[in-house]
Amino acid sequence: MSSPELGSEQQSLIDALAVEHAAVFGYGVVAAFADPGRADEVAADTAAHRARRDATVDTLTAAGVTPPVAAPGYTVPFPVADPVQAAELAVQIETDVAVAWRSVLERADTEAVRADAVVALTESAIRAARWRSNLGIVPPTVAFPGRP
């Protein structure tokens, strides 16, 4: 979706939007296989990604950039058939989201986009830590969230 007219900030937002679209899809898979006791967490995480997706669409639209729409489907990085694999997918989703928002943070030209990227990166790091904790991973945090 790269275009020569786009600045690095706009391209990074387009890239982050693509990852948010994939995250919303991925959480559908997580929801299908997650422990039923985690339904509220999955719903909250899904809602957070929808809200971030919608806010990113608004930011791009306000900048005069046509935001890309979601793909008809996405491929998950590994098979998911049980609650443990669902939690592992949630960790992967949040890791991918953190990478995307860190890139936005690094390429942001405006204070508003930089602030949004910090919040998005922080929120994904917190969700990833919760999912790692659910899996019993110690430590549940990483030193530099979003570092590829």
Protein backbone atom coordinates (compact mmCIF):
# COMPACT_ATOMS: atom_id res chain seq x y z
CA MET A 1 0.00 0.00 0.00
CA SER A 2 3.04 2.22 -0.14
CA SER A 3 2.69 5.41 -2.12
CA PRO A 4 5.33 8.01 -2.92
CA GLU A 5 2.99 10.80 -1.79
CA LEU A 6 2.80 9.41 1.74
CA GLY A 7 5.16 10.54 4.45
CA SER A 8 6.74 8.03 6.80
CA GLU A 9 4.20 8.88 9.51
CA GLN A 10 1.25 8.14 7.24
CA GLN A 11 2.83 4.93 5.92
CA SER A 12 3.53 3.73 9.46
CA LEU A 13 -0.11 4.41 10.37
CA ILE A 14 -1.27 2.43 7.32
CA ASP A 15 0.99 -0.43 8.40
CA ALA A 16 -0.33 -0.26 11.98
CA LEU A 17 -3.89 -0.22 10.69
CA ALA A 18 -3.21 -3.41 8.73
CA VAL A 19 -1.93 -5.04 11.91
CA GLU A 20 -5.00 -3.84 13.85
CA HIS A 21 -7.27 -5.35 11.17
CA ALA A 22 -5.39 -8.64 11.57
CA ALA A 23 -5.61 -8.38 15.37
CA VAL A 24 -9.39 -8.06 15.28
CA PHE A 25 -9.54 -11.15 13.06
CA GLY A 26 -7.05 -13.02 15.24
CA TYR A 27 -9.02 -12.35 18.40
CA GLY A 28 -11.97 -14.03 16.69
CA VAL A 29 -9.85 -17.17 16.54
CA VAL A 30 -8.74 -16.63 20.15
CA ALA A 31 -12.39 -16.31 21.19
CA ALA A 32 -13.31 -19.57 19.47
CA PHE A 33 -10.73 -21.59 21.42
CA ALA A 34 -10.03 -19.64 24.62
CA ASP A 35 -10.88 -20.91 28.06
CA PRO A 36 -14.52 -19.83 28.65
CA GLY A 37 -13.37 -18.22 31.90
CA ARG A 38 -11.37 -15.75 29.83
CA ALA A 39 -14.31 -14.62 27.67
CA ASP A 40 -14.43 -11.18 29.29
CA GLU A 41 -10.69 -10.66 28.70
CA VAL A 42 -10.98 -11.73 25.08
CA ALA A 43 -13.99 -9.44 24.55
CA ALA A 44 -12.17 -6.49 26.15
CA ASP A 45 -9.04 -7.09 24.07
CA THR A 46 -11.09 -7.38 20.89
CA ALA A 47 -12.93 -4.16 21.72
CA ALA A 48 -9.61 -2.39 22.38
CA HIS A 49 -8.30 -3.39 18.95
CA ARG A 50 -11.52 -2.33 17.25
CA ALA A 51 -11.32 1.05 18.97
CA ARG A 52 -7.64 1.47 18.01
CA ARG A 53 -8.46 0.42 14.43
CA ASP A 54 -11.29 2.95 14.22
CA ALA A 55 -9.17 5.73 15.73
CA THR A 56 -6.41 4.99 13.22
CA VAL A 57 -8.90 5.13 10.36
CA ASP A 58 -10.03 8.53 11.67
CA THR A 59 -6.43 9.78 11.94
CA LEU A 60 -5.62 8.72 8.39
CA THR A 61 -8.85 10.16 7.03
CA ALA A 62 -8.19 13.48 8.77
CA ALA A 63 -4.74 13.53 7.12
CA GLY A 64 -6.34 13.07 3.71
CA VAL A 65 -5.19 9.45 3.37
CA THR A 66 -7.63 6.76 2.28
CA PRO A 67 -7.28 4.02 4.89
CA PRO A 68 -7.05 0.44 3.64
CA VAL A 69 -9.94 -1.85 4.44
CA ALA A 70 -9.55 -5.19 6.17
CA ALA A 71 -8.66 -8.20 4.06
CA PRO A 72 -11.40 -10.81 3.61
CA GLY A 73 -9.40 -13.16 5.83
CA TYR A 74 -6.06 -13.64 7.50
CA THR A 75 -3.78 -16.58 8.20
CA VAL A 76 -2.82 -17.22 11.80
CA PRO A 77 0.87 -18.06 12.34
CA PHE A 78 0.21 -21.52 13.80
CA PRO A 79 -2.73 -23.90 14.28
CA VAL A 80 -5.06 -23.07 17.15
CA ALA A 81 -7.20 -25.86 18.56
CA ASP A 82 -7.21 -25.42 22.35
CA PRO A 83 -7.09 -22.77 25.11
CA VAL A 84 -3.29 -22.84 25.44
CA GLN A 85 -2.79 -22.24 21.72
CA ALA A 86 -5.45 -19.50 21.86
CA ALA A 87 -3.50 -17.74 24.62
CA GLU A 88 -0.28 -18.19 22.64
CA LEU A 89 -2.00 -16.60 19.64
CA ALA A 90 -3.08 -13.67 21.81
CA VAL A 91 0.57 -13.17 22.85
CA GLN A 92 1.63 -13.25 19.19
CA ILE A 93 -1.10 -10.77 18.20
CA GLU A 94 -0.04 -8.34 20.91
CA THR A 95 3.62 -8.76 20.00
CA ASP A 96 2.85 -7.95 16.36
CA VAL A 97 0.75 -4.95 17.39
CA ALA A 98 3.56 -3.66 19.62
CA VAL A 99 6.03 -3.87 16.72
CA ALA A 100 3.65 -1.89 14.50
CA TRP A 101 3.01 0.86 17.05
CA ARG A 102 6.67 1.14 17.97
CA SER A 103 7.31 1.79 14.28
CA VAL A 104 4.67 4.52 14.33
CA LEU A 105 6.32 6.02 17.40
CA GLU A 106 9.71 6.02 15.70
CA ARG A 107 8.36 7.58 12.49
CA ALA A 108 5.82 10.03 13.93
CA ASP A 109 6.12 13.65 12.83
CA THR A 110 3.35 15.07 15.00
CA GLU A 111 2.91 15.14 18.74
CA ALA A 112 -0.63 13.75 18.51
CA VAL A 113 0.43 10.69 16.51
CA ARG A 114 3.43 10.16 18.78
CA ALA A 115 1.18 10.28 21.85
CA ASP A 116 -1.31 7.84 20.29
CA ALA A 117 1.54 5.47 19.42
CA VAL A 118 2.86 5.54 22.99
CA VAL A 119 -0.59 4.67 24.33
CA ALA A 120 -1.12 1.91 21.75
CA LEU A 121 2.33 0.43 22.41
CA THR A 122 1.78 0.54 26.17
CA GLU A 123 -1.67 -1.04 25.95
CA SER A 124 -0.43 -3.88 23.74
CA ALA A 125 2.53 -4.51 26.08
CA ILE A 126 0.14 -4.74 29.04
CA ARG A 127 -2.17 -7.14 27.20
CA ALA A 128 0.79 -9.28 26.11
CA ALA A 129 2.10 -9.42 29.68
CA ARG A 130 -1.32 -10.52 30.94
CA TRP A 131 -1.53 -13.28 28.33
CA ARG A 132 2.05 -14.41 29.10
CA SER A 133 1.14 -14.47 32.78
CA ASN A 134 -1.95 -16.56 31.95
CA LEU A 135 0.40 -19.02 30.24
CA GLY A 136 2.75 -19.08 33.24
CA ILE A 137 5.60 -17.43 31.34
CA VAL A 138 8.13 -15.87 33.70
CA PRO A 139 8.82 -13.03 33.46
CA PRO A 140 5.62 -12.00 31.70
CA THR A 141 7.08 -8.72 30.47
CA VAL A 142 9.74 -7.92 27.91
CA ALA A 143 12.36 -5.20 28.30
CA PHE A 144 11.58 -3.35 25.08
CA PRO A 145 8.03 -4.00 23.83
CA GLY A 146 7.72 -3.73 20.09
CA ARG A 147 11.31 -4.57 19.37
CA PRO A 148 11.26 -6.93 16.40
